[in-house]
Structures are given as C-alpha cells and as structure tokens.
Amino acid sequence: MNLRRAGKGIVRKGKQPSVYRIGFNDGDETELTANGINELEELWRSLCPEFECEPDSVNYVERVGYEEED
C-alpha cells in the first residue's frame, strides 16, 4: 500500500519531528524522521531507489519516538 494509507491516523504534524518505522517489501524496515505526512512521503519517495522498492510497497508505519534535540 502507499505511505499515506499506511500512515493514516499515525503520522501527524507537531511541534517537533517524529521518528517513524516503515515496514516495506514484506520484511524490510527503516526509520525516518519527519514532521507530518507530506515530509515523510517526500523523504520515502526519495529513498525508494536506494531501497530498491516501489513507493507503494509499504506494509505498515508506526511512530517510535521523537527526534532528539542537541
């Protein structure tokens, strides 16, 4: 499925970016930091060639925390 559908009700825009775990290709995972679905989707699409996957290969999205501030 696509990232927007998988992240519905999970990905939110807030005061600070969140860390999201994305499961894709039926077994692979990555963690990306973004603030809102638009930013997360843009980042995901830019990394699909590197991950050798299609943009609609997402199995799930879960929020795992917030970006650490220095």
PDB file of N, CA and C in Angstrom:
ATOM      1  N   MET A   1       0.848  -1.175   0.000  1.00  0.00           N
ATOM      2  CA  MET A   1       0.000   0.000   0.000  1.00  0.00           C
ATOM      3  C   MET A   1       0.895   1.239   0.000  1.00  0.00           C
ATOM      4  N   ASN A   2       0.316   2.379  -0.239  1.00  0.00           N
ATOM      5  CA  ASN A   2       1.139   3.583  -0.251  1.00  0.00           C
ATOM      6  C   ASN A   2       1.317   4.127   1.173  1.00  0.00           C
ATOM      7  N   LEU A   3       2.263   5.018   1.327  1.00  0.00           N
ATOM      8  CA  LEU A   3       2.621   5.543   2.642  1.00  0.00           C
ATOM      9  C   LEU A   3       1.468   6.307   3.292  1.00  0.00           C
ATOM     10  N   ARG A   4       0.740   7.087   2.525  1.00  0.00           N
ATOM     11  CA  ARG A   4      -0.375   7.853   3.107  1.00  0.00           C
ATOM     12  C   ARG A   4      -1.434   6.942   3.712  1.00  0.00           C
ATOM     13  N   ARG A   5      -1.743   5.870   3.023  1.00  0.00           N
ATOM     14  CA  ARG A   5      -2.749   4.936   3.538  1.00  0.00           C
ATOM     15  C   ARG A   5      -2.226   4.213   4.782  1.00  0.00           C
ATOM     16  N   ALA A   6      -0.984   3.747   4.726  1.00  0.00           N
ATOM     17  CA  ALA A   6      -0.401   3.027   5.861  1.00  0.00           C
ATOM     18  C   ALA A   6      -0.229   3.934   7.079  1.00  0.00           C
ATOM     19  N   GLY A   7       0.036   5.217   6.847  1.00  0.00           N
ATOM     20  CA  GLY A   7       0.277   6.143   7.943  1.00  0.00           C
ATOM     21  C   GLY A   7      -0.939   6.908   8.427  1.00  0.00           C
ATOM     22  N   LYS A   8      -2.102   6.608   7.867  1.00  0.00           N
ATOM     23  CA  LYS A   8      -3.319   7.324   8.251  1.00  0.00           C
ATOM     24  C   LYS A   8      -3.602   7.145   9.743  1.00  0.00           C
ATOM     25  N   GLY A   9      -3.759   8.259  10.448  1.00  0.00           N
ATOM     26  CA  GLY A   9      -4.033   8.243  11.876  1.00  0.00           C
ATOM     27  C   GLY A   9      -2.788   8.040  12.731  1.00  0.00           C
ATOM     28  N   ILE A  10      -1.641   7.845  12.100  1.00  0.00           N
ATOM     29  CA  ILE A  10      -0.390   7.610  12.828  1.00  0.00           C
ATOM     30  C   ILE A  10       0.564   8.786  12.653  1.00  0.00           C
ATOM     31  N   VAL A  11       0.720   9.235  11.409  1.00  0.00           N
ATOM     32  CA  VAL A  11       1.658  10.316  11.095  1.00  0.00           C
ATOM     33  C   VAL A  11       0.954  11.647  11.316  1.00  0.00           C
ATOM     34  N   ARG A  12       1.576  12.479  12.164  1.00  0.00           N
ATOM     35  CA  ARG A  12       0.984  13.783  12.481  1.00  0.00           C
ATOM     36  C   ARG A  12       2.058  14.868  12.436  1.00  0.00           C
ATOM     37  N   LYS A  13       1.610  16.062  12.138  1.00  0.00           N
ATOM     38  CA  LYS A  13       2.499  17.215  12.190  1.00  0.00           C
ATOM     39  C   LYS A  13       2.440  17.753  13.611  1.00  0.00           C
ATOM     40  N   GLY A  14       3.593  18.093  14.173  1.00  0.00           N
ATOM     41  CA  GLY A  14       3.635  18.573  15.548  1.00  0.00           C
ATOM     42  C   GLY A  14       4.666  19.662  15.740  1.00  0.00           C
ATOM     43  N   LYS A  15       4.984  19.933  17.003  1.00  0.00           N
ATOM     44  CA  LYS A  15       5.970  20.960  17.321  1.00  0.00           C
ATOM     45  C   LYS A  15       7.380  20.505  16.983  1.00  0.00           C
ATOM     46  N   GLN A  16       7.597  19.197  16.974  1.00  0.00           N
ATOM     47  CA  GLN A  16       8.905  18.664  16.608  1.00  0.00           C
ATOM     48  C   GLN A  16       8.711  17.419  15.763  1.00  0.00           C
ATOM     49  N   PRO A  17       9.700  17.085  14.943  1.00  0.00           N
ATOM     50  CA  PRO A  17       9.591  15.894  14.098  1.00  0.00           C
ATOM     51  C   PRO A  17       9.504  14.615  14.933  1.00  0.00           C
ATOM     52  N   SER A  18       8.872  13.610  14.371  1.00  0.00           N
ATOM     53  CA  SER A  18       8.774  12.294  14.993  1.00  0.00           C
ATOM     54  C   SER A  18       9.581  11.293  14.182  1.00  0.00           C
ATOM     55  N   VAL A  19       9.960  10.208  14.833  1.00  0.00           N
ATOM     56  CA  VAL A  19      10.657   9.115  14.174  1.00  0.00           C
ATOM     57  C   VAL A  19       9.617   8.045  13.845  1.00  0.00           C
ATOM     58  N   TYR A  20       9.587   7.629  12.598  1.00  0.00           N
ATOM     59  CA  TYR A  20       8.626   6.625  12.141  1.00  0.00           C
ATOM     60  C   TYR A  20       9.355   5.403  11.617  1.00  0.00           C
ATOM     61  N   ARG A  21       8.867   4.232  12.001  1.00  0.00           N
ATOM     62  CA  ARG A  21       9.384   2.977  11.450  1.00  0.00           C
ATOM     63  C   ARG A  21       8.463   2.578  10.308  1.00  0.00           C
ATOM     64  N   ILE A  22       9.049   2.335   9.157  1.00  0.00           N
ATOM     65  CA  ILE A  22       8.287   1.945   7.973  1.00  0.00           C
ATOM     66  C   ILE A  22       8.683   0.529   7.601  1.00  0.00           C
ATOM     67  N   GLY A  23       7.706  -0.352   7.548  1.00  0.00           N
ATOM     68  CA  GLY A  23       7.929  -1.708   7.082  1.00  0.00           C
ATOM     69  C   GLY A  23       7.546  -1.778   5.615  1.00  0.00           C
ATOM     70  N   PHE A  24       8.398  -2.413   4.812  1.00  0.00           N
ATOM     71  CA  PHE A  24       8.131  -2.466   3.375  1.00  0.00           C
ATOM     72  C   PHE A  24       8.694  -3.754   2.797  1.00  0.00           C
ATOM     73  N   ASN A  25       8.254  -4.077   1.605  1.00  0.00           N
ATOM     74  CA  ASN A  25       8.720  -5.276   0.892  1.00  0.00           C
ATOM     75  C   ASN A  25       8.555  -6.555   1.711  1.00  0.00           C
ATOM     76  N   ASP A  26       7.524  -6.619   2.550  1.00  0.00           N
ATOM     77  CA  ASP A  26       7.231  -7.824   3.337  1.00  0.00           C
ATOM     78  C   ASP A  26       8.420  -8.320   4.155  1.00  0.00           C
ATOM     79  N   GLY A  27       9.081  -7.417   4.870  1.00  0.00           N
ATOM     80  CA  GLY A  27      10.151  -7.862   5.747  1.00  0.00           C
ATOM     81  C   GLY A  27      11.249  -6.852   6.003  1.00  0.00           C
ATOM     82  N   ASP A  28      11.386  -5.851   5.162  1.00  0.00           N
ATOM     83  CA  ASP A  28      12.401  -4.815   5.376  1.00  0.00           C
ATOM     84  C   ASP A  28      11.823  -3.693   6.230  1.00  0.00           C
ATOM     85  N   GLU A  29      12.695  -2.987   6.955  1.00  0.00           N
ATOM     86  CA  GLU A  29      12.279  -1.852   7.772  1.00  0.00           C
ATOM     87  C   GLU A  29      13.309  -0.733   7.662  1.00  0.00           C
ATOM     88  N   THR A  30      12.833   0.472   7.884  1.00  0.00           N
ATOM     89  CA  THR A  30      13.715   1.624   8.012  1.00  0.00           C
ATOM     90  C   THR A  30      13.056   2.603   8.966  1.00  0.00           C
ATOM     91  N   GLU A  31      13.843   3.483   9.553  1.00  0.00           N
ATOM     92  CA  GLU A  31      13.310   4.542  10.406  1.00  0.00           C
ATOM     93  C   GLU A  31      13.645   5.881   9.784  1.00  0.00           C
ATOM     94  N   LEU A  32      12.634   6.719   9.666  1.00  0.00           N
ATOM     95  CA  LEU A  32      12.789   8.047   9.078  1.00  0.00           C
ATOM     96  C   LEU A  32      12.225   9.084  10.041  1.00  0.00           C
ATOM     97  N   THR A  33      12.824  10.250  10.048  1.00  0.00           N
ATOM     98  CA  THR A  33      12.384  11.351  10.898  1.00  0.00           C
ATOM     99  C   THR A  33      11.735  12.414  10.026  1.00  0.00           C
ATOM    100  N   ALA A  34      10.508  12.784  10.382  1.00  0.00           N
ATOM    101  CA  ALA A  34       9.775  13.773   9.590  1.00  0.00           C
ATOM    102  C   ALA A  34       8.728  14.447  10.462  1.00  0.00           C
ATOM    103  N   ASN A  35       8.257  15.581   9.994  1.00  0.00           N
ATOM    104  CA  ASN A  35       7.187  16.297  10.673  1.00  0.00           C
ATOM    105  C   ASN A  35       5.989  16.372   9.729  1.00  0.00           C
ATOM    106  N   GLY A  36       5.130  15.385   9.825  1.00  0.00           N
ATOM    107  CA  GLY A  36       3.920  15.346   9.010  1.00  0.00           C
ATOM    108  C   GLY A  36       4.043  14.413   7.822  1.00  0.00           C
ATOM    109  N   ILE A  37       2.887  14.076   7.268  1.00  0.00           N
ATOM    110  CA  ILE A  37       2.822  13.096   6.186  1.00  0.00           C
ATOM    111  C   ILE A  37       3.483  13.598   4.908  1.00  0.00           C
ATOM    112  N   ASN A  38       3.364  14.879   4.597  1.00  0.00           N
ATOM    113  CA  ASN A  38       3.975  15.392   3.369  1.00  0.00           C
ATOM    114  C   ASN A  38       5.487  15.240   3.398  1.00  0.00           C
ATOM    115  N   GLU A  39       6.092  15.600   4.517  1.00  0.00           N
ATOM    116  CA  GLU A  39       7.540  15.494   4.655  1.00  0.00           C
ATOM    117  C   GLU A  39       7.973  14.025   4.638  1.00  0.00           C
ATOM    118  N   LEU A  40       7.240  13.168   5.336  1.00  0.00           N
ATOM    119  CA  LEU A  40       7.583  11.749   5.382  1.00  0.00           C
ATOM    120  C   LEU A  40       7.455  11.116   3.999  1.00  0.00           C
ATOM    121  N   GLU A  41       6.396  11.454   3.287  1.00  0.00           N
ATOM    122  CA  GLU A  41       6.201  10.890   1.951  1.00  0.00           C
ATOM    123  C   GLU A  41       7.286  11.355   0.985  1.00  0.00           C
ATOM    124  N   GLU A  42       7.669  12.606   1.056  1.00  0.00           N
ATOM    125  CA  GLU A  42       8.728  13.124   0.185  1.00  0.00           C
ATOM    126  C   GLU A  42      10.054  12.398   0.461  1.00  0.00           C
ATOM    127  N   LEU A  43      10.365  12.215   1.730  1.00  0.00           N
ATOM    128  CA  LEU A  43      11.582  11.508   2.108  1.00  0.00           C
ATOM    129  C   LEU A  43      11.528  10.046   1.663  1.00  0.00           C
ATOM    130  N   TRP A  44      10.404   9.395   1.884  1.00  0.00           N
ATOM    131  CA  TRP A  44      10.228   7.990   1.490  1.00  0.00           C
ATOM    132  C   TRP A  44      10.431   7.828  -0.013  1.00  0.00           C
ATOM    133  N   ARG A  45       9.764   8.663  -0.797  1.00  0.00           N
ATOM    134  CA  ARG A  45       9.877   8.552  -2.254  1.00  0.00           C
ATOM    135  C   ARG A  45      11.318   8.784  -2.731  1.00  0.00           C
ATOM    136  N   SER A  46      12.035   9.675  -2.069  1.00  0.00           N
ATOM    137  CA  SER A  46      13.412   9.940  -2.470  1.00  0.00           C
ATOM    138  C   SER A  46      14.335   8.759  -2.153  1.00  0.00           C
ATOM    139  N   LEU A  47      13.970   7.933  -1.180  1.00  0.00           N
ATOM    140  CA  LEU A  47      14.801   6.792  -0.786  1.00  0.00           C
ATOM    141  C   LEU A  47      14.422   5.480  -1.463  1.00  0.00           C
ATOM    142  N   CYS A  48      13.277   5.424  -2.112  1.00  0.00           N
ATOM    143  CA  CYS A  48      12.839   4.184  -2.763  1.00  0.00           C
ATOM    144  C   CYS A  48      13.871   3.632  -3.751  1.00  0.00           C
ATOM    145  N   PRO A  49      14.508   4.443  -4.586  1.00  0.00           N
ATOM    146  CA  PRO A  49      15.521   3.875  -5.484  1.00  0.00           C
ATOM    147  C   PRO A  49      16.676   3.210  -4.725  1.00  0.00           C
ATOM    148  N   GLU A  50      17.114   3.827  -3.638  1.00  0.00           N
ATOM    149  CA  GLU A  50      18.195   3.254  -2.836  1.00  0.00           C
ATOM    150  C   GLU A  50      17.768   1.926  -2.189  1.00  0.00           C
ATOM    151  N   PHE A  51      16.518   1.874  -1.723  1.00  0.00           N
ATOM    152  CA  PHE A  51      15.998   0.668  -1.084  1.00  0.00           C
ATOM    153  C   PHE A  51      15.535  -0.378  -2.100  1.00  0.00           C
ATOM    154  N   GLU A  52      15.572  -0.005  -3.379  1.00  0.00           N
ATOM    155  CA  GLU A  52      15.120  -0.878  -4.459  1.00  0.00           C
ATOM    156  C   GLU A  52      13.695  -1.376  -4.214  1.00  0.00           C
ATOM    157  N   CYS A  53      12.808  -0.416  -3.977  1.00  0.00           N
ATOM    158  CA  CYS A  53      11.404  -0.749  -3.744  1.00  0.00           C
ATOM    159  C   CYS A  53      10.508   0.262  -4.451  1.00  0.00           C
ATOM    160  N   GLU A  54       9.267  -0.100  -4.594  1.00  0.00           N
ATOM    161  CA  GLU A  54       8.272   0.793  -5.175  1.00  0.00           C
ATOM    162  C   GLU A  54       7.668   1.656  -4.068  1.00  0.00           C
ATOM    163  N   PRO A  55       7.228   2.875  -4.382  1.00  0.00           N
ATOM    164  CA  PRO A  55       6.614   3.728  -3.363  1.00  0.00           C
ATOM    165  C   PRO A  55       5.395   3.101  -2.687  1.00  0.00           C
ATOM    166  N   ASP A  56       4.714   2.202  -3.383  1.00  0.00           N
ATOM    167  CA  ASP A  56       3.513   1.584  -2.795  1.00  0.00           C
ATOM    168  C   ASP A  56       3.806   0.199  -2.195  1.00  0.00           C
ATOM    169  N   SER A  57       5.047  -0.036  -1.771  1.00  0.00           N
ATOM    170  CA  SER A  57       5.416  -1.314  -1.171  1.00  0.00           C
ATOM    171  C   SER A  57       5.387  -1.282   0.360  1.00  0.00           C
ATOM    172  N   VAL A  58       4.730  -0.271   0.941  1.00  0.00           N
ATOM    173  CA  VAL A  58       4.688  -0.095   2.393  1.00  0.00           C
ATOM    174  C   VAL A  58       3.716  -1.100   3.015  1.00  0.00           C
ATOM    175  N   ASN A  59       4.180  -1.788   4.067  1.00  0.00           N
ATOM    176  CA  ASN A  59       3.325  -2.714   4.814  1.00  0.00           C
ATOM    177  C   ASN A  59       2.722  -2.056   6.046  1.00  0.00           C
ATOM    178  N   TYR A  60       3.506  -1.197   6.725  1.00  0.00           N
ATOM    179  CA  TYR A  60       2.998  -0.518   7.919  1.00  0.00           C
ATOM    180  C   TYR A  60       3.862   0.695   8.234  1.00  0.00           C
ATOM    181  N   VAL A  61       3.308   1.588   9.049  1.00  0.00           N
ATOM    182  CA  VAL A  61       4.019   2.746   9.582  1.00  0.00           C
ATOM    183  C   VAL A  61       3.681   2.826  11.062  1.00  0.00           C
ATOM    184  N   GLU A  62       4.695   2.992  11.906  1.00  0.00           N
ATOM    185  CA  GLU A  62       4.445   3.198  13.325  1.00  0.00           C
ATOM    186  C   GLU A  62       5.358   4.298  13.841  1.00  0.00           C
ATOM    187  N   ARG A  63       4.835   5.085  14.772  1.00  0.00           N
ATOM    188  CA  ARG A  63       5.656   6.142  15.370  1.00  0.00           C
ATOM    189  C   ARG A  63       6.428   5.520  16.518  1.00  0.00           C
ATOM    190  N   VAL A  64       7.743   5.747  16.541  1.00  0.00           N
ATOM    191  CA  VAL A  64       8.571   5.127  17.566  1.00  0.00           C
ATOM    192  C   VAL A  64       9.211   6.142  18.505  1.00  0.00           C
ATOM    193  N   GLY A  65       9.006   7.427  18.272  1.00  0.00           N
ATOM    194  CA  GLY A  65       9.560   8.419  19.164  1.00  0.00           C
ATOM    195  C   GLY A  65       9.672   9.783  18.526  1.00  0.00           C
ATOM    196  N   TYR A  66      10.413  10.640  19.201  1.00  0.00           N
ATOM    197  CA  TYR A  66      10.641  11.994  18.732  1.00  0.00           C
ATOM    198  C   TYR A  66      12.113  12.187  18.434  1.00  0.00           C
ATOM    199  N   GLU A  67      12.375  13.123  17.546  1.00  0.00           N
ATOM    200  CA  GLU A  67      13.750  13.448  17.212  1.00  0.00           C
ATOM    201  C   GLU A  67      14.428  14.018  18.460  1.00  0.00           C
ATOM    202  N   GLU A  68      15.630  13.563  18.737  1.00  0.00           N
ATOM    203  CA  GLU A  68      16.396  14.057  19.881  1.00  0.00           C
ATOM    204  C   GLU A  68      16.963  15.425  19.548  1.00  0.00           C
ATOM    205  N   GLU A  69      16.832  16.373  20.467  1.00  0.00           N
ATOM    206  CA  GLU A  69      17.413  17.689  20.255  1.00  0.00           C
ATOM    207  C   GLU A  69      18.814  17.717  20.840  1.00  0.00           C
ATOM    208  N   ASP A  70      19.716  18.424  20.150  1.00  0.00           N
ATOM    209  CA  ASP A  70      21.107  18.511  20.637  1.00  0.00           C
ATOM    210  C   ASP A  70      21.241  19.515  21.743  1.00  0.00           C
TER     211      ASP A  70
END
